[in-house]
Amino acid sequence: MGRHLRTLGRNPPFSPRSRAAARIVSTTDSFESVPILTQAVEVAPAPPFAAPVAAPLAAPVASKIHLIGGEKGGVGKSVVARLLAQHFIDHNLAFTGFDTDRSHGALMRFYKDYASPVLVDRFEALDAIVESAIEHPGQRVLVDLAAQTHDPLVRWMDESGVLELAAESGVQIHYWHVMDAGRDSVDLLERLIDRFEDRLQYVLVLNELRGDDFANLERSGQFERAKALGARVVHLKHLQDAVLRKIDAANSSFWAARTMASNEGPKLGLLERQRLKMWLAHATTEIAAVGV
């Protein structure tokens, strides 16, 4: 007992640099041989409890209503509507189509699985266009407007407060004004802008299927006026008339005409199909640039 006390007496008490403190403990050491820490150590206080930060909610994707118009008959509205429908299908973009043509609607004829008929002189029928966009955020609604539908469409918009409701609901309304090279298309564009000014998002489609000289538009001042309002421009190149006639005669979608064998569907020749593919590729690039 005395020898044990003398051994302890030789060690300086509470030595901060003792051999015991510096000794590495082995896994073979007995419990009694492990040195005991005799120096006080300050422990940093634990940080205050912080509630987890919730990840920011992603902004809802806006629905978009695409009105394909131009008022003038034979200007190529239905071709543009078909191109837009094919673009949505090719890129797996969900959409709902509405066709306002009572007699030979293009969407009902070529893309009937994606479209429903709608009568522009019935408000409750037109209401479905906006309701579909609001009830399904991120939805694309495609409306092929027949000739002479401008007045009933405007009356519905005014009396129903469509533009105001769309703005409150985050729904974008894009008006695709399809134009040929004639003066009538320019006058109708002026009428459209006078009526809606900056309350619509305009897309001007210069349809070279109906002529490629748009000097009337460029001289009118309406082109610059529309672009000042943020209008975007789509150039639709010319395609050989015979190719479109064959596609229409076979009631074929652009996808079917592009992929079917030469003895099926519209029965396009090898180079006719190649011209169609090039035309569709250019149209797709133009449409994508608009941001549909």
C-alpha atoms as a PDB file:
ATOM      1  CA  MET A   1       0.000   0.000   0.000  1.00  0.00           C
ATOM      2  CA  GLY A   2       2.811   2.433   0.911  1.00  0.00           C
ATOM      3  CA  ARG A   3       4.671   1.692  -2.319  1.00  0.00           C
ATOM      4  CA  HIS A   4       1.540   2.413  -4.312  1.00  0.00           C
ATOM      5  CA  LEU A   5       1.164   5.806  -2.607  1.00  0.00           C
ATOM      6  CA  ARG A   6       4.811   6.728  -3.244  1.00  0.00           C
ATOM      7  CA  THR A   7       4.396   5.949  -6.964  1.00  0.00           C
ATOM      8  CA  LEU A   8       1.402   8.253  -7.201  1.00  0.00           C
ATOM      9  CA  GLY A   9       3.290  10.924  -5.341  1.00  0.00           C
ATOM     10  CA  ARG A  10       5.961  11.115  -8.019  1.00  0.00           C
ATOM     11  CA  ASN A  11       3.405  11.991 -10.763  1.00  0.00           C
ATOM     12  CA  PRO A  12       2.468  15.690 -10.948  1.00  0.00           C
ATOM     13  CA  PRO A  13      -1.279  15.980 -10.339  1.00  0.00           C
ATOM     14  CA  PHE A  14      -3.483  17.046 -13.268  1.00  0.00           C
ATOM     15  CA  SER A  15      -0.552  17.246 -15.648  1.00  0.00           C
ATOM     16  CA  PRO A  16      -1.746  18.538 -19.043  1.00  0.00           C
ATOM     17  CA  ARG A  17       1.169  16.900 -20.871  1.00  0.00           C
ATOM     18  CA  SER A  18       1.577  13.647 -18.907  1.00  0.00           C
ATOM     19  CA  ARG A  19       2.816  10.492 -20.569  1.00  0.00           C
ATOM     20  CA  ALA A  20      -0.529   8.895 -19.785  1.00  0.00           C
ATOM     21  CA  ALA A  21      -2.372  11.562 -21.813  1.00  0.00           C
ATOM     22  CA  ALA A  22      -0.075  11.054 -24.801  1.00  0.00           C
ATOM     23  CA  ARG A  23      -0.114   7.269 -24.646  1.00  0.00           C
ATOM     24  CA  ILE A  24      -1.904   5.447 -27.434  1.00  0.00           C
ATOM     25  CA  VAL A  25      -4.390   2.933 -26.122  1.00  0.00           C
ATOM     26  CA  SER A  26      -4.209  -0.494 -27.629  1.00  0.00           C
ATOM     27  CA  THR A  27      -7.096  -2.896 -27.989  1.00  0.00           C
ATOM     28  CA  THR A  28      -5.049  -5.404 -25.946  1.00  0.00           C
ATOM     29  CA  ASP A  29      -4.849  -3.115 -22.886  1.00  0.00           C
ATOM     30  CA  SER A  30      -6.777  -4.164 -19.811  1.00  0.00           C
ATOM     31  CA  PHE A  31      -9.480  -1.916 -18.483  1.00  0.00           C
ATOM     32  CA  GLU A  32      -7.394  -0.994 -15.408  1.00  0.00           C
ATOM     33  CA  SER A  33      -4.365   0.063 -17.509  1.00  0.00           C
ATOM     34  CA  VAL A  34      -6.201   2.649 -19.610  1.00  0.00           C
ATOM     35  CA  PRO A  35      -5.240   6.135 -18.382  1.00  0.00           C
ATOM     36  CA  ILE A  36      -7.983   8.322 -16.995  1.00  0.00           C
ATOM     37  CA  LEU A  37      -8.404  11.826 -18.424  1.00  0.00           C
ATOM     38  CA  THR A  38      -7.768  14.243 -15.580  1.00  0.00           C
ATOM     39  CA  GLN A  39      -7.698  17.538 -17.483  1.00  0.00           C
ATOM     40  CA  ALA A  40     -10.870  19.558 -17.881  1.00  0.00           C
ATOM     41  CA  VAL A  41     -11.956  20.002 -21.474  1.00  0.00           C
ATOM     42  CA  GLU A  42     -14.316  22.715 -22.641  1.00  0.00           C
ATOM     43  CA  VAL A  43     -17.110  21.399 -24.782  1.00  0.00           C
ATOM     44  CA  ALA A  44     -18.644  23.757 -27.318  1.00  0.00           C
ATOM     45  CA  PRO A  45     -22.357  24.247 -26.732  1.00  0.00           C
ATOM     46  CA  ALA A  46     -24.613  22.454 -29.155  1.00  0.00           C
ATOM     47  CA  PRO A  47     -25.987  24.686 -31.861  1.00  0.00           C
ATOM     48  CA  PRO A  48     -29.587  25.731 -31.341  1.00  0.00           C
ATOM     49  CA  PHE A  49     -32.137  23.460 -32.955  1.00  0.00           C
ATOM     50  CA  ALA A  50     -32.972  24.609 -36.457  1.00  0.00           C
ATOM     51  CA  ALA A  51     -36.181  23.588 -38.116  1.00  0.00           C
ATOM     52  CA  PRO A  52     -35.663  21.998 -41.535  1.00  0.00           C
ATOM     53  CA  VAL A  53     -36.072  24.419 -44.389  1.00  0.00           C
ATOM     54  CA  ALA A  54     -38.791  23.379 -46.776  1.00  0.00           C
ATOM     55  CA  ALA A  55     -37.799  23.211 -50.412  1.00  0.00           C
ATOM     56  CA  PRO A  56     -39.403  25.991 -52.441  1.00  0.00           C
ATOM     57  CA  LEU A  57     -42.468  24.896 -54.326  1.00  0.00           C
ATOM     58  CA  ALA A  58     -42.058  24.791 -58.078  1.00  0.00           C
ATOM     59  CA  ALA A  59     -44.094  27.394 -59.909  1.00  0.00           C
ATOM     60  CA  PRO A  60     -47.044  25.842 -61.720  1.00  0.00           C
ATOM     61  CA  VAL A  61     -46.588  25.515 -65.447  1.00  0.00           C
ATOM     62  CA  ALA A  62     -48.865  27.895 -67.312  1.00  0.00           C
ATOM     63  CA  SER A  63     -51.538  26.504 -69.581  1.00  0.00           C
ATOM     64  CA  LYS A  64     -51.531  27.848 -73.113  1.00  0.00           C
ATOM     65  CA  ILE A  65     -54.438  28.380 -75.479  1.00  0.00           C
ATOM     66  CA  HIS A  66     -53.399  28.520 -79.130  1.00  0.00           C
ATOM     67  CA  LEU A  67     -56.011  30.152 -81.349  1.00  0.00           C
ATOM     68  CA  ILE A  68     -55.223  29.490 -85.015  1.00  0.00           C
ATOM     69  CA  GLY A  69     -56.906  32.286 -86.930  1.00  0.00           C
ATOM     70  CA  GLY A  70     -56.614  34.749 -89.732  1.00  0.00           C
ATOM     71  CA  GLU A  71     -60.312  35.159 -90.508  1.00  0.00           C
ATOM     72  CA  LYS A  72     -59.769  34.948 -94.244  1.00  0.00           C
ATOM     73  CA  GLY A  73     -60.775  31.649 -95.855  1.00  0.00           C
ATOM     74  CA  GLY A  74     -58.154  29.617 -97.728  1.00  0.00           C
ATOM     75  CA  VAL A  75     -55.212  31.305 -96.026  1.00  0.00           C
ATOM     76  CA  GLY A  76     -53.837  28.050 -94.589  1.00  0.00           C
ATOM     77  CA  LYS A  77     -55.135  28.092 -91.006  1.00  0.00           C
ATOM     78  CA  SER A  78     -55.970  24.392 -91.025  1.00  0.00           C
ATOM     79  CA  VAL A  79     -52.513  23.432 -92.275  1.00  0.00           C
ATOM     80  CA  VAL A  80     -50.961  25.404 -89.416  1.00  0.00           C
ATOM     81  CA  ALA A  81     -53.319  23.758 -86.907  1.00  0.00           C
ATOM     82  CA  ARG A  82     -52.327  20.334 -88.241  1.00  0.00           C
ATOM     83  CA  LEU A  83     -48.634  21.203 -88.003  1.00  0.00           C
ATOM     84  CA  LEU A  84     -49.047  22.352 -84.425  1.00  0.00           C
ATOM     85  CA  ALA A  85     -50.965  19.185 -83.512  1.00  0.00           C
ATOM     86  CA  GLN A  86     -48.237  17.044 -85.084  1.00  0.00           C
ATOM     87  CA  HIS A  87     -45.579  19.019 -83.216  1.00  0.00           C
ATOM     88  CA  PHE A  88     -47.309  18.325 -79.896  1.00  0.00           C
ATOM     89  CA  ILE A  89     -47.601  14.623 -80.708  1.00  0.00           C
ATOM     90  CA  ASP A  90     -43.989  14.300 -81.862  1.00  0.00           C
ATOM     91  CA  HIS A  91     -42.715  15.934 -78.669  1.00  0.00           C
ATOM     92  CA  ASN A  92     -45.102  14.145 -76.269  1.00  0.00           C
ATOM     93  CA  LEU A  93     -46.784  17.403 -75.271  1.00  0.00           C
ATOM     94  CA  ALA A  94     -50.296  16.816 -73.965  1.00  0.00           C
ATOM     95  CA  PHE A  95     -52.949  18.892 -75.694  1.00  0.00           C
ATOM     96  CA  THR A  96     -56.656  19.133 -76.334  1.00  0.00           C
ATOM     97  CA  GLY A  97     -57.899  20.164 -79.758  1.00  0.00           C
ATOM     98  CA  PHE A  98     -61.084  22.012 -80.680  1.00  0.00           C
ATOM     99  CA  ASP A  99     -62.331  22.395 -84.239  1.00  0.00           C
ATOM    100  CA  THR A 100     -64.777  25.202 -85.076  1.00  0.00           C
ATOM    101  CA  ASP A 101     -65.332  24.277 -88.730  1.00  0.00           C
ATOM    102  CA  ARG A 102     -68.830  22.840 -89.098  1.00  0.00           C
ATOM    103  CA  SER A 103     -68.339  21.284 -92.539  1.00  0.00           C
ATOM    104  CA  HIS A 104     -64.773  20.006 -93.044  1.00  0.00           C
ATOM    105  CA  GLY A 105     -62.718  20.635 -89.915  1.00  0.00           C
ATOM    106  CA  ALA A 106     -59.071  19.698 -90.361  1.00  0.00           C
ATOM    107  CA  LEU A 107     -58.431  18.604 -86.777  1.00  0.00           C
ATOM    108  CA  MET A 108     -61.520  16.402 -86.752  1.00  0.00           C
ATOM    109  CA  ARG A 109     -60.512  14.941 -90.094  1.00  0.00           C
ATOM    110  CA  PHE A 110     -56.789  14.347 -89.628  1.00  0.00           C
ATOM    111  CA  TYR A 111     -56.382  14.228 -85.807  1.00  0.00           C
ATOM    112  CA  LYS A 112     -59.800  13.067 -84.633  1.00  0.00           C
ATOM    113  CA  ASP A 113     -58.353  11.203 -81.634  1.00  0.00           C
ATOM    114  CA  TYR A 114     -57.149  14.526 -80.205  1.00  0.00           C
ATOM    115  CA  ALA A 115     -59.961  16.928 -81.128  1.00  0.00           C
ATOM    116  CA  SER A 116     -63.589  17.747 -80.427  1.00  0.00           C
ATOM    117  CA  PRO A 117     -65.998  19.951 -82.391  1.00  0.00           C
ATOM    118  CA  VAL A 118     -66.996  23.304 -80.909  1.00  0.00           C
ATOM    119  CA  LEU A 119     -69.564  25.831 -82.110  1.00  0.00           C
ATOM    120  CA  VAL A 120     -68.436  29.453 -81.875  1.00  0.00           C
ATOM    121  CA  ASP A 121     -71.980  30.774 -81.689  1.00  0.00           C
ATOM    122  CA  ARG A 122     -72.630  28.914 -78.434  1.00  0.00           C
ATOM    123  CA  PHE A 123     -70.997  30.434 -75.385  1.00  0.00           C
ATOM    124  CA  GLU A 124     -71.234  27.234 -73.343  1.00  0.00           C
ATOM    125  CA  ALA A 125     -69.326  25.401 -76.058  1.00  0.00           C
ATOM    126  CA  LEU A 126     -66.569  28.022 -76.148  1.00  0.00           C
ATOM    127  CA  ASP A 127     -66.421  28.005 -72.351  1.00  0.00           C
ATOM    128  CA  ALA A 128     -64.952  24.486 -72.542  1.00  0.00           C
ATOM    129  CA  ILE A 129     -61.822  25.937 -74.173  1.00  0.00           C
ATOM    130  CA  VAL A 130     -60.895  28.088 -71.178  1.00  0.00           C
ATOM    131  CA  GLU A 131     -62.177  25.631 -68.587  1.00  0.00           C
ATOM    132  CA  SER A 132     -59.951  22.905 -70.033  1.00  0.00           C
ATOM    133  CA  ALA A 133     -56.899  25.156 -69.735  1.00  0.00           C
ATOM    134  CA  ILE A 134     -57.658  26.261 -66.178  1.00  0.00           C
ATOM    135  CA  GLU A 135     -58.586  22.826 -64.821  1.00  0.00           C
ATOM    136  CA  HIS A 136     -55.416  21.199 -66.194  1.00  0.00           C
ATOM    137  CA  PRO A 137     -52.345  23.350 -65.421  1.00  0.00           C
ATOM    138  CA  GLY A 138     -49.699  22.982 -68.088  1.00  0.00           C
ATOM    139  CA  GLN A 139     -52.259  21.867 -70.644  1.00  0.00           C
ATOM    140  CA  ARG A 140     -52.068  23.052 -74.235  1.00  0.00           C
ATOM    141  CA  VAL A 141     -55.337  23.837 -75.931  1.00  0.00           C
ATOM    142  CA  LEU A 142     -55.362  24.051 -79.716  1.00  0.00           C
ATOM    143  CA  VAL A 143     -58.290  25.783 -81.440  1.00  0.00           C
ATOM    144  CA  ASP A 144     -58.634  25.775 -85.220  1.00  0.00           C
ATOM    145  CA  LEU A 145     -60.771  28.827 -86.016  1.00  0.00           C
ATOM    146  CA  ALA A 146     -62.820  28.596 -89.180  1.00  0.00           C
ATOM    147  CA  ALA A 147     -63.263  31.592 -91.472  1.00  0.00           C
ATOM    148  CA  GLN A 148     -65.700  34.264 -90.313  1.00  0.00           C
ATOM    149  CA  THR A 149     -65.430  33.327 -86.641  1.00  0.00           C
ATOM    150  CA  HIS A 150     -63.767  36.560 -85.489  1.00  0.00           C
ATOM    151  CA  ASP A 151     -66.941  38.433 -84.501  1.00  0.00           C
ATOM    152  CA  PRO A 152     -68.589  35.689 -82.404  1.00  0.00           C
ATOM    153  CA  LEU A 153     -65.215  34.930 -80.797  1.00  0.00           C
ATOM    154  CA  VAL A 154     -64.713  38.570 -79.811  1.00  0.00           C
ATOM    155  CA  ARG A 155     -68.269  38.810 -78.461  1.00  0.00           C
ATOM    156  CA  TRP A 156     -67.674  35.726 -76.310  1.00  0.00           C
ATOM    157  CA  MET A 157     -64.373  37.124 -75.022  1.00  0.00           C
ATOM    158  CA  ASP A 158     -65.903  40.490 -74.135  1.00  0.00           C
ATOM    159  CA  GLU A 159     -69.115  39.295 -72.510  1.00  0.00           C
ATOM    160  CA  SER A 160     -67.411  36.489 -70.580  1.00  0.00           C
ATOM    161  CA  GLY A 161     -64.324  38.414 -69.452  1.00  0.00           C
ATOM    162  CA  VAL A 162     -62.161  35.676 -70.974  1.00  0.00           C
ATOM    163  CA  LEU A 163     -58.923  37.642 -71.122  1.00  0.00           C
ATOM    164  CA  GLU A 164     -59.309  38.886 -67.553  1.00  0.00           C
ATOM    165  CA  LEU A 165     -60.037  35.391 -66.237  1.00  0.00           C
ATOM    166  CA  ALA A 166     -57.118  33.953 -68.179  1.00  0.00           C
ATOM    167  CA  ALA A 167     -54.761  36.546 -66.718  1.00  0.00           C
ATOM    168  CA  GLU A 168     -55.980  35.822 -63.172  1.00  0.00           C
ATOM    169  CA  SER A 169     -55.590  32.080 -63.718  1.00  0.00           C
ATOM    170  CA  GLY A 170     -52.138  32.254 -65.317  1.00  0.00           C
ATOM    171  CA  VAL A 171     -53.385  31.048 -68.697  1.00  0.00           C
ATOM    172  CA  GLN A 172     -51.580  32.389 -71.759  1.00  0.00           C
ATOM    173  CA  ILE A 173     -53.595  33.071 -74.913  1.00  0.00           C
ATOM    174  CA  HIS A 174     -51.610  32.950 -78.146  1.00  0.00           C
ATOM    175  CA  TYR A 175     -53.275  34.129 -81.349  1.00  0.00           C
ATOM    176  CA  TRP A 176     -51.690  32.700 -84.494  1.00  0.00           C
ATOM    177  CA  HIS A 177     -52.554  35.092 -87.313  1.00  0.00           C
ATOM    178  CA  VAL A 178     -52.008  33.087 -90.497  1.00  0.00           C
ATOM    179  CA  MET A 179     -51.274  35.315 -93.483  1.00  0.00           C
ATOM    180  CA  ASP A 180     -50.948  34.946 -97.220  1.00  0.00           C
ATOM    181  CA  ALA A 181     -49.316  37.546 -99.457  1.00  0.00           C
ATOM    182  CA  GLY A 182     -52.556  39.469-100.076  1.00  0.00           C
ATOM    183  CA  ARG A 183     -53.609  42.853 -98.766  1.00  0.00           C
ATOM    184  CA  ASP A 184     -56.618  41.355 -96.968  1.00  0.00           C
ATOM    185  CA  SER A 185     -54.365  39.577 -94.482  1.00  0.00           C
ATOM    186  CA  VAL A 186     -52.687  42.866 -93.600  1.00  0.00           C
ATOM    187  CA  ASP A 187     -56.024  44.623 -93.083  1.00  0.00           C
ATOM    188  CA  LEU A 188     -57.221  41.801 -90.834  1.00  0.00           C
ATOM    189  CA  LEU A 189     -54.015  42.015 -88.795  1.00  0.00           C
ATOM    190  CA  GLU A 190     -54.599  45.732 -88.296  1.00  0.00           C
ATOM    191  CA  ARG A 191     -58.159  45.037 -87.183  1.00  0.00           C
ATOM    192  CA  LEU A 192     -56.943  42.358 -84.754  1.00  0.00           C
ATOM    193  CA  ILE A 193     -54.332  44.617 -83.133  1.00  0.00           C
ATOM    194  CA  ASP A 194     -56.741  47.552 -82.941  1.00  0.00           C
ATOM    195  CA  ARG A 195     -59.173  45.345 -81.047  1.00  0.00           C
ATOM    196  CA  PHE A 196     -56.863  43.571 -78.606  1.00  0.00           C
ATOM    197  CA  GLU A 197     -53.666  45.653 -78.537  1.00  0.00           C
ATOM    198  CA  ASP A 198     -51.271  44.070 -75.998  1.00  0.00           C
ATOM    199  CA  ARG A 199     -53.813  41.726 -74.376  1.00  0.00           C
ATOM    200  CA  LEU A 200     -52.958  38.807 -76.668  1.00  0.00           C
ATOM    201  CA  GLN A 201     -49.671  37.114 -77.461  1.00  0.00           C
ATOM    202  CA  TYR A 202     -49.369  37.248 -81.237  1.00  0.00           C
ATOM    203  CA  VAL A 203     -47.739  34.807 -83.617  1.00  0.00           C
ATOM    204  CA  LEU A 204     -47.610  35.925 -87.251  1.00  0.00           C
ATOM    205  CA  VAL A 205     -47.457  33.006 -89.679  1.00  0.00           C
ATOM    206  CA  LEU A 206     -46.153  34.037 -93.107  1.00  0.00           C
ATOM    207  CA  ASN A 207     -47.534  31.189 -95.162  1.00  0.00           C
ATOM    208  CA  GLU A 208     -45.524  30.733 -98.352  1.00  0.00           C
ATOM    209  CA  LEU A 209     -47.918  27.996 -99.423  1.00  0.00           C
ATOM    210  CA  ARG A 210     -50.145  30.920-100.440  1.00  0.00           C
ATOM    211  CA  GLY A 211     -47.478  33.208-101.911  1.00  0.00           C
ATOM    212  CA  ASP A 212     -44.026  34.364-100.871  1.00  0.00           C
ATOM    213  CA  ASP A 213     -44.091  38.122-101.518  1.00  0.00           C
ATOM    214  CA  PHE A 214     -45.015  39.848 -98.260  1.00  0.00           C
ATOM    215  CA  ALA A 215     -44.203  43.365 -99.443  1.00  0.00           C
ATOM    216  CA  ASN A 216     -47.731  44.503 -98.557  1.00  0.00           C
ATOM    217  CA  LEU A 217     -47.133  43.543 -94.959  1.00  0.00           C
ATOM    218  CA  GLU A 218     -43.696  45.120 -94.780  1.00  0.00           C
ATOM    219  CA  ARG A 219     -44.911  48.426 -96.259  1.00  0.00           C
ATOM    220  CA  SER A 220     -48.025  48.655 -94.129  1.00  0.00           C
ATOM    221  CA  GLY A 221     -46.379  49.388 -90.804  1.00  0.00           C
ATOM    222  CA  GLN A 222     -48.463  46.646 -89.185  1.00  0.00           C
ATOM    223  CA  PHE A 223     -45.540  44.228 -89.188  1.00  0.00           C
ATOM    224  CA  GLU A 224     -43.417  46.530 -87.046  1.00  0.00           C
ATOM    225  CA  ARG A 225     -46.427  47.400 -84.918  1.00  0.00           C
ATOM    226  CA  ALA A 226     -47.065  43.738 -84.148  1.00  0.00           C
ATOM    227  CA  LYS A 227     -43.412  43.049 -83.362  1.00  0.00           C
ATOM    228  CA  ALA A 228     -43.375  46.043 -81.006  1.00  0.00           C
ATOM    229  CA  LEU A 229     -46.143  44.264 -79.092  1.00  0.00           C
ATOM    230  CA  GLY A 230     -43.938  41.181 -78.792  1.00  0.00           C
ATOM    231  CA  ALA A 231     -45.278  39.263 -81.783  1.00  0.00           C
ATOM    232  CA  ARG A 232     -43.188  36.329 -82.932  1.00  0.00           C
ATOM    233  CA  VAL A 233     -42.898  35.331 -86.572  1.00  0.00           C
ATOM    234  CA  VAL A 234     -43.146  31.876 -88.132  1.00  0.00           C
ATOM    235  CA  HIS A 235     -42.075  31.390 -91.743  1.00  0.00           C
ATOM    236  CA  LEU A 236     -43.882  28.454 -93.318  1.00  0.00           C
ATOM    237  CA  LYS A 237     -42.054  27.374 -96.438  1.00  0.00           C
ATOM    238  CA  HIS A 238     -43.663  26.293 -99.675  1.00  0.00           C
ATOM    239  CA  LEU A 239     -44.324  22.594-100.257  1.00  0.00           C
ATOM    240  CA  GLN A 240     -45.089  21.051-103.612  1.00  0.00           C
ATOM    241  CA  ASP A 241     -48.855  21.227-104.160  1.00  0.00           C
ATOM    242  CA  ALA A 242     -49.029  17.606-105.342  1.00  0.00           C
ATOM    243  CA  VAL A 243     -47.657  16.353-102.029  1.00  0.00           C
ATOM    244  CA  LEU A 244     -50.296  18.152 -99.974  1.00  0.00           C
ATOM    245  CA  ARG A 245     -53.042  17.040-102.340  1.00  0.00           C
ATOM    246  CA  LYS A 246     -52.027  13.390-101.937  1.00  0.00           C
ATOM    247  CA  ILE A 247     -51.913  13.704 -98.156  1.00  0.00           C
ATOM    248  CA  ASP A 248     -55.325  15.372 -98.035  1.00  0.00           C
ATOM    249  CA  ALA A 249     -56.885  12.881-100.449  1.00  0.00           C
ATOM    250  CA  ALA A 250     -55.775  10.015 -98.198  1.00  0.00           C
ATOM    251  CA  ASN A 251     -57.041  11.783 -95.015  1.00  0.00           C
ATOM    252  CA  SER A 252     -53.577  11.178 -93.656  1.00  0.00           C
ATOM    253  CA  SER A 253     -51.834  12.829 -90.743  1.00  0.00           C
ATOM    254  CA  PHE A 254     -48.410  14.276 -91.416  1.00  0.00           C
ATOM    255  CA  TRP A 255     -46.911  11.502 -89.284  1.00  0.00           C
ATOM    256  CA  ALA A 256     -48.519   8.788 -91.415  1.00  0.00           C
ATOM    257  CA  ALA A 257     -47.524  10.485 -94.649  1.00  0.00           C
ATOM    258  CA  ARG A 258     -43.949  10.778 -93.406  1.00  0.00           C
ATOM    259  CA  THR A 259     -43.590   7.172 -92.290  1.00  0.00           C
ATOM    260  CA  MET A 260     -45.854   4.990 -94.465  1.00  0.00           C
ATOM    261  CA  ALA A 261     -44.463   2.894 -97.290  1.00  0.00           C
ATOM    262  CA  SER A 262     -44.802   4.232-100.818  1.00  0.00           C
ATOM    263  CA  ASN A 263     -47.685   1.838-101.539  1.00  0.00           C
ATOM    264  CA  GLU A 264     -49.669   2.869 -98.440  1.00  0.00           C
ATOM    265  CA  GLY A 265     -51.666   5.920 -97.367  1.00  0.00           C
ATOM    266  CA  PRO A 266     -50.979   8.900 -99.611  1.00  0.00           C
ATOM    267  CA  LYS A 267     -48.552   6.796-101.685  1.00  0.00           C
ATOM    268  CA  LEU A 268     -45.806   9.386-101.859  1.00  0.00           C
ATOM    269  CA  GLY A 269     -42.811   8.753-104.048  1.00  0.00           C
ATOM    270  CA  LEU A 270     -39.336   8.549-102.541  1.00  0.00           C
ATOM    271  CA  LEU A 271     -38.432  12.176-103.265  1.00  0.00           C
ATOM    272  CA  GLU A 272     -41.914  13.416-102.451  1.00  0.00           C
ATOM    273  CA  ARG A 273     -41.526  11.899 -98.999  1.00  0.00           C
ATOM    274  CA  GLN A 274     -38.079  13.452 -98.701  1.00  0.00           C
ATOM    275  CA  ARG A 275     -39.487  16.897 -99.568  1.00  0.00           C
ATOM    276  CA  LEU A 276     -42.216  16.394 -96.970  1.00  0.00           C
ATOM    277  CA  LYS A 277     -39.657  15.450 -94.297  1.00  0.00           C
ATOM    278  CA  MET A 278     -37.569  18.533 -95.021  1.00  0.00           C
ATOM    279  CA  TRP A 279     -40.655  20.768 -94.965  1.00  0.00           C
ATOM    280  CA  LEU A 280     -41.848  19.291 -91.663  1.00  0.00           C
ATOM    281  CA  ALA A 281     -38.397  19.640 -90.101  1.00  0.00           C
ATOM    282  CA  HIS A 282     -38.267  23.322 -91.000  1.00  0.00           C
ATOM    283  CA  ALA A 283     -41.806  23.894 -89.716  1.00  0.00           C
ATOM    284  CA  THR A 284     -40.971  22.119 -86.446  1.00  0.00           C
ATOM    285  CA  THR A 285     -37.933  24.344 -85.937  1.00  0.00           C
ATOM    286  CA  GLU A 286     -40.021  27.475 -86.525  1.00  0.00           C
ATOM    287  CA  ILE A 287     -42.769  26.314 -84.172  1.00  0.00           C
ATOM    288  CA  ALA A 288     -40.317  25.324 -81.438  1.00  0.00           C
ATOM    289  CA  ALA A 289     -38.717  28.776 -81.595  1.00  0.00           C
ATOM    290  CA  VAL A 290     -42.067  30.312 -80.664  1.00  0.00           C
ATOM    291  CA  GLY A 291     -42.077  28.417 -77.363  1.00  0.00           C
ATOM    292  CA  VAL A 292     -45.323  26.469 -77.512  1.00  0.00           C
END
